[in-house]
Protein backbone atom coordinates (compact mmCIF):
# COMPACT_ATOMS: atom_id res chain seq x y z
CA MET A 1 -0.23 -0.12 0.07
CA GLN A 2 2.56 2.33 0.69
CA ASN A 3 4.69 1.79 -2.54
CA ASP A 4 1.42 2.81 -4.06
CA TRP A 5 1.42 5.85 -2.47
CA ILE A 6 4.79 6.72 -3.71
CA TYR A 7 3.78 5.53 -7.41
CA ALA A 8 0.58 7.76 -7.34
CA ALA A 9 3.00 10.67 -6.06
CA LEU A 10 5.66 10.00 -8.72
CA LEU A 11 2.75 9.84 -11.80
CA ALA A 12 1.24 12.80 -10.42
CA TRP A 13 4.64 14.74 -10.29
CA GLY A 14 5.02 13.52 -14.07
CA GLY A 15 1.66 15.31 -14.97
CA GLY A 16 3.11 18.21 -13.47
CA ILE A 17 6.61 18.64 -14.50
CA SER A 18 5.16 20.37 -17.64
CA ILE A 19 4.58 23.27 -15.97
CA PRO A 20 8.26 24.22 -15.32
CA LEU A 21 8.87 22.64 -18.69
CA GLY A 22 6.35 24.97 -20.50
CA ALA A 23 8.23 27.73 -18.70
CA LEU A 24 11.61 26.67 -20.10
CA LEU A 25 9.82 26.50 -23.43
CA PHE A 26 8.58 29.98 -23.36
CA ILE A 27 12.49 31.07 -22.41
CA PHE A 28 13.90 29.06 -25.37
CA LEU A 29 11.41 30.57 -27.91
CA ARG A 30 10.72 33.90 -26.75
CA LYS A 31 13.57 35.34 -29.07
CA ARG A 32 13.48 32.79 -31.68
CA LEU A 33 9.87 33.04 -32.75
CA GLY A 34 9.95 36.79 -33.19
CA ARG A 35 6.59 38.04 -34.46
CA GLU A 36 5.01 34.46 -34.75
CA ARG A 37 5.21 34.30 -30.94
CA THR A 38 1.73 35.56 -30.74
CA PHE A 39 0.50 32.90 -33.22
CA PHE A 40 2.36 30.16 -31.22
CA ASN A 41 0.57 31.49 -27.87
CA HIS A 42 -3.05 31.17 -29.22
CA LEU A 43 -1.73 27.70 -30.36
CA MET A 44 -0.76 26.56 -27.27
CA THR A 45 -3.79 27.90 -25.45
CA ALA A 46 -5.70 25.84 -28.12
CA ILE A 47 -3.78 22.71 -27.16
CA GLY A 48 -4.31 23.24 -23.51
CA GLY A 49 -7.96 23.91 -23.79
CA GLY A 50 -8.63 20.35 -25.81
CA ALA A 51 -6.53 18.74 -23.61
CA LEU A 52 -8.40 20.18 -20.46
CA LEU A 53 -11.79 18.95 -22.44
CA SER A 54 -10.63 15.73 -22.83
CA ALA A 55 -9.80 15.37 -18.93
CA VAL A 56 -13.45 16.27 -18.78
CA ALA A 57 -15.36 14.18 -21.39
CA LEU A 58 -13.21 11.14 -21.24
CA VAL A 59 -11.73 10.56 -17.05
CA LEU A 60 -13.57 13.28 -14.73
CA VAL A 61 -17.17 12.94 -15.70
CA PRO A 62 -17.77 9.18 -16.90
CA ASP A 63 -15.62 7.86 -14.10
CA GLY A 64 -17.28 10.62 -11.49
CA MET A 65 -20.73 9.73 -12.38
CA GLU A 66 -20.52 5.76 -11.89
CA ASN A 67 -19.42 6.49 -8.17
CA GLN A 68 -22.30 8.79 -6.88
CA ASN A 69 -25.98 9.11 -7.59
CA GLN A 70 -26.73 10.92 -10.79
CA TYR A 71 -28.69 13.90 -9.63
CA VAL A 72 -25.88 14.62 -7.37
CA GLY A 73 -23.33 14.08 -9.98
CA VAL A 74 -25.51 16.75 -12.13
CA LEU A 75 -25.26 18.96 -9.00
CA SER A 76 -21.67 18.63 -8.34
CA PHE A 77 -20.94 19.62 -11.87
CA VAL A 78 -23.12 22.69 -11.86
CA LEU A 79 -21.47 23.65 -8.40
CA GLY A 80 -17.96 23.04 -9.92
CA GLY A 81 -18.84 25.46 -12.65
CA THR A 82 -20.40 28.10 -10.22
CA ALA A 83 -17.34 27.58 -8.05
CA PHE A 84 -14.77 28.26 -10.50
CA ALA A 85 -16.80 31.23 -11.73
CA GLY A 86 -16.71 32.85 -8.33
CA ILE A 87 -12.70 32.09 -8.34
CA ASP A 88 -12.25 33.85 -11.55
CA TYR A 89 -14.45 36.78 -10.16
CA PHE A 90 -12.17 37.29 -7.36
CA LEU A 91 -9.10 36.95 -9.32
CA SER A 92 -10.10 39.40 -12.02
CA LYS A 93 -10.20 42.27 -8.79
CA SER A 94 -6.54 41.23 -8.13
CA LYS A 95 -3.13 42.33 -9.86
CA GLY A 96 0.28 40.55 -10.18
CA ALA A 97 1.35 37.13 -10.35
CA GLY A 98 -1.20 35.58 -7.94
CA PRO A 99 -4.23 35.20 -10.16
CA GLN A 100 -1.88 33.78 -12.92
CA ILE A 101 -0.95 30.85 -10.59
CA VAL A 102 -4.16 30.50 -8.65
CA ALA A 103 -5.67 29.87 -12.16
CA MET A 104 -3.03 27.29 -13.47
CA LEU A 105 -3.52 25.32 -10.14
CA SER A 106 -7.53 25.26 -9.68
CA ASP A 107 -7.59 22.27 -12.11
CA PHE A 108 -4.07 20.56 -11.75
CA VAL A 109 -4.62 20.11 -7.69
CA PRO A 110 -7.96 18.36 -8.09
CA GLU A 111 -6.87 16.62 -10.96
CA ALA A 112 -3.99 15.21 -9.07
CA ILE A 113 -6.27 14.49 -5.56
CA ALA A 114 -8.40 12.40 -8.20
CA LEU A 115 -5.16 10.77 -9.74
CA GLY A 116 -4.28 9.36 -6.19
CA ALA A 117 -7.14 7.97 -5.53
CA ILE A 118 -8.16 6.60 -8.83
CA PHE A 119 -4.27 4.74 -8.76
CA LEU A 120 -5.38 2.52 -5.90
CA LYS A 121 -8.04 1.21 -8.05
CA ASP A 122 -7.22 1.41 -11.76
CA GLN A 123 -3.68 2.17 -12.74
CA ALA A 124 -4.23 2.29 -16.44
CA GLN A 125 -6.95 5.15 -15.69
CA ALA A 126 -4.71 7.08 -13.48
CA VAL A 127 -1.79 6.87 -16.20
CA LEU A 128 -4.05 8.18 -18.39
CA LEU A 129 -5.15 10.95 -16.36
CA ALA A 130 -1.69 12.05 -15.41
CA PHE A 131 -1.03 11.81 -19.43
CA ILE A 132 -3.67 14.26 -19.96
CA MET A 133 -2.43 16.43 -16.99
CA PHE A 134 1.12 16.80 -18.56
CA ILE A 135 -0.41 17.61 -22.04
CA GLN A 136 -2.66 20.44 -20.56
CA ASN A 137 0.03 21.71 -18.01
CA LEU A 138 2.45 22.33 -20.70
CA PRO A 139 0.57 24.84 -22.88
CA GLU A 140 -0.90 26.45 -19.26
CA GLY A 141 2.83 26.81 -18.02
CA TYR A 142 3.92 28.35 -21.13
CA ASN A 143 1.24 30.58 -21.22
CA ALA A 144 1.12 31.39 -17.35
CA PHE A 145 5.10 32.23 -17.70
CA ALA A 146 4.68 34.55 -20.33
CA GLU A 147 2.47 37.06 -17.99
CA PHE A 148 5.32 37.30 -15.78
CA PRO A 149 8.09 40.01 -16.39
CA PRO A 150 11.45 39.38 -16.50
CA GLU A 151 13.52 40.13 -13.16
CA LYS A 152 15.68 43.37 -13.75
CA SER A 153 19.42 43.92 -12.71
CA THR A 154 20.36 40.16 -13.20
CA LYS A 155 21.95 37.83 -15.59
CA THR A 156 19.09 35.15 -15.63
CA PRO A 157 16.04 37.18 -15.70
CA TYR A 158 13.43 34.43 -15.41
CA LEU A 159 15.48 32.10 -12.79
CA ARG A 160 13.27 33.00 -9.76
CA THR A 161 9.94 32.57 -11.70
CA THR A 162 11.23 29.15 -13.04
CA LEU A 163 12.40 27.68 -9.70
CA LEU A 164 8.73 28.99 -8.75
CA PHE A 165 7.05 27.13 -11.57
CA LEU A 166 9.22 24.04 -10.74
CA SER A 167 8.14 24.20 -7.33
CA MET A 168 4.45 23.91 -8.32
CA SER A 169 5.15 20.59 -9.83
CA PHE A 170 5.46 19.24 -6.74
CA VAL A 171 1.82 20.40 -5.46
CA GLY A 172 0.62 17.07 -7.87
CA PRO A 173 2.58 14.48 -5.18
CA ILE A 174 1.10 16.03 -2.11
CA CYS A 175 -2.12 15.99 -3.59
CA ALA A 176 -2.06 12.76 -5.07
CA GLY A 177 -0.77 11.19 -1.42
CA LEU A 178 -3.65 13.04 -0.22
CA GLY A 179 -6.28 11.31 -2.34
CA ALA A 180 -4.62 8.08 -2.16
CA SER A 181 -4.80 8.44 1.47
CA VAL A 182 -8.24 9.83 2.35
CA LEU A 183 -10.54 9.34 -0.77
CA ALA A 184 -9.51 6.07 -2.17
CA GLU A 185 -12.06 4.31 -0.06
CA SER A 186 -14.96 7.14 -0.09
CA GLU A 187 -15.93 6.43 -3.90
CA THR A 188 -18.89 8.74 -3.47
CA VAL A 189 -16.70 11.49 -2.26
CA LEU A 190 -13.90 10.87 -5.09
CA GLY A 191 -17.05 11.19 -7.45
CA PHE A 192 -18.56 14.32 -6.41
CA LEU A 193 -14.73 15.88 -6.45
CA MET A 194 -14.52 14.49 -10.13
CA THR A 195 -17.51 16.04 -11.30
CA PHE A 196 -16.99 19.04 -9.76
CA SER A 197 -13.81 19.60 -11.15
CA GLY A 198 -15.27 18.69 -14.48
CA GLY A 199 -17.87 21.68 -14.01
CA GLY A 200 -14.79 23.99 -12.89
CA ILE A 201 -12.80 23.13 -15.95
CA THR A 202 -15.71 23.52 -18.46
CA TYR A 203 -16.26 26.86 -17.05
CA LEU A 204 -12.63 27.83 -17.60
CA ILE A 205 -12.37 26.41 -21.04
CA PHE A 206 -15.43 28.68 -22.15
CA ARG A 207 -14.43 31.47 -19.92
CA ASP A 208 -10.95 31.84 -20.59
CA ILE A 209 -9.36 29.42 -22.83
CA ALA A 210 -11.64 28.94 -25.96
CA PRO A 211 -11.69 33.11 -26.49
CA ALA A 212 -8.10 33.16 -26.11
CA ALA A 213 -7.30 30.76 -28.83
CA LYS A 214 -8.90 32.57 -31.49
CA PHE A 215 -6.41 34.57 -33.61
CA LYS A 216 -7.51 37.06 -36.25
CA ASN A 217 -7.59 35.85 -39.64
CA SER A 218 -6.44 32.35 -38.79
CA TYR A 219 -7.92 28.70 -38.68
CA VAL A 220 -5.09 27.39 -37.55
CA ALA A 221 -4.53 28.14 -33.89
CA PRO A 222 -7.91 27.15 -32.99
CA LEU A 223 -7.48 23.61 -34.34
CA GLY A 224 -4.71 23.37 -31.60
CA SER A 225 -7.61 22.48 -29.35
CA ILE A 226 -8.42 19.24 -31.97
CA LEU A 227 -5.04 18.23 -31.50
CA GLY A 228 -5.11 18.45 -27.67
CA PHE A 229 -7.93 16.50 -27.42
CA ALA A 230 -6.94 13.99 -29.88
CA ILE A 231 -3.80 13.50 -27.83
CA GLY A 232 -5.96 12.69 -24.89
CA LEU A 233 -8.58 10.53 -26.89
CA LEU A 234 -5.37 8.54 -27.93
CA GLY A 235 -4.27 7.91 -24.50
CA TRP A 236 -7.84 6.80 -23.68
CA ALA A 237 -8.09 4.26 -26.57
CA LEU A 238 -4.65 2.87 -25.18
CA VAL A 239 -6.24 1.99 -21.94
CA ASN A 240 -9.38 0.89 -22.88
């Protein structure tokens, strides 16, 4: 059992390591893309949105509904969307780095908790969820990092921010350990968390991600959402 917790934590960290990888990708491409950087930002946003949609459609909602009363499941989905709307409202009143960090962790945290609990019952589904988390966190890390200004008077203007993003990847193992130790034996609570998260993520997709994926006079950038979902679908097909 203890080894299972360790494996679940490592798997969740693997799903979150793409947060700092997204930051490093931004640093690498910052000057190389030039004028194309704006288009690439929109493309990355669309890919992340597609991956989030695949997490909702293939894992969180179907698995969550199996573990709870159908009416409670629908209610928790609505509550999740409403709660995330409230969080979004309060974040819109704030300035600085805080809102970007909270927004990025708002879907990562519940997914990692669910991953820890799922791992003890269905390791294939847990691996699928971790894979989707990795795909979605890469563009989220990239776009969130782009909002941070470079540090002044230093030879490494993004070092502190990069270390901050690296530290956020370790939130995954902590949450997975919580899910494995607390929620694994409580299927109803786990199901509620999954559909609640699904509702919240759906809100984020249509409130922030889908509008941001649109790029003037381009039909290519939004196609990134198809790519993101297709990657998640491929993972689902391989484990089912």
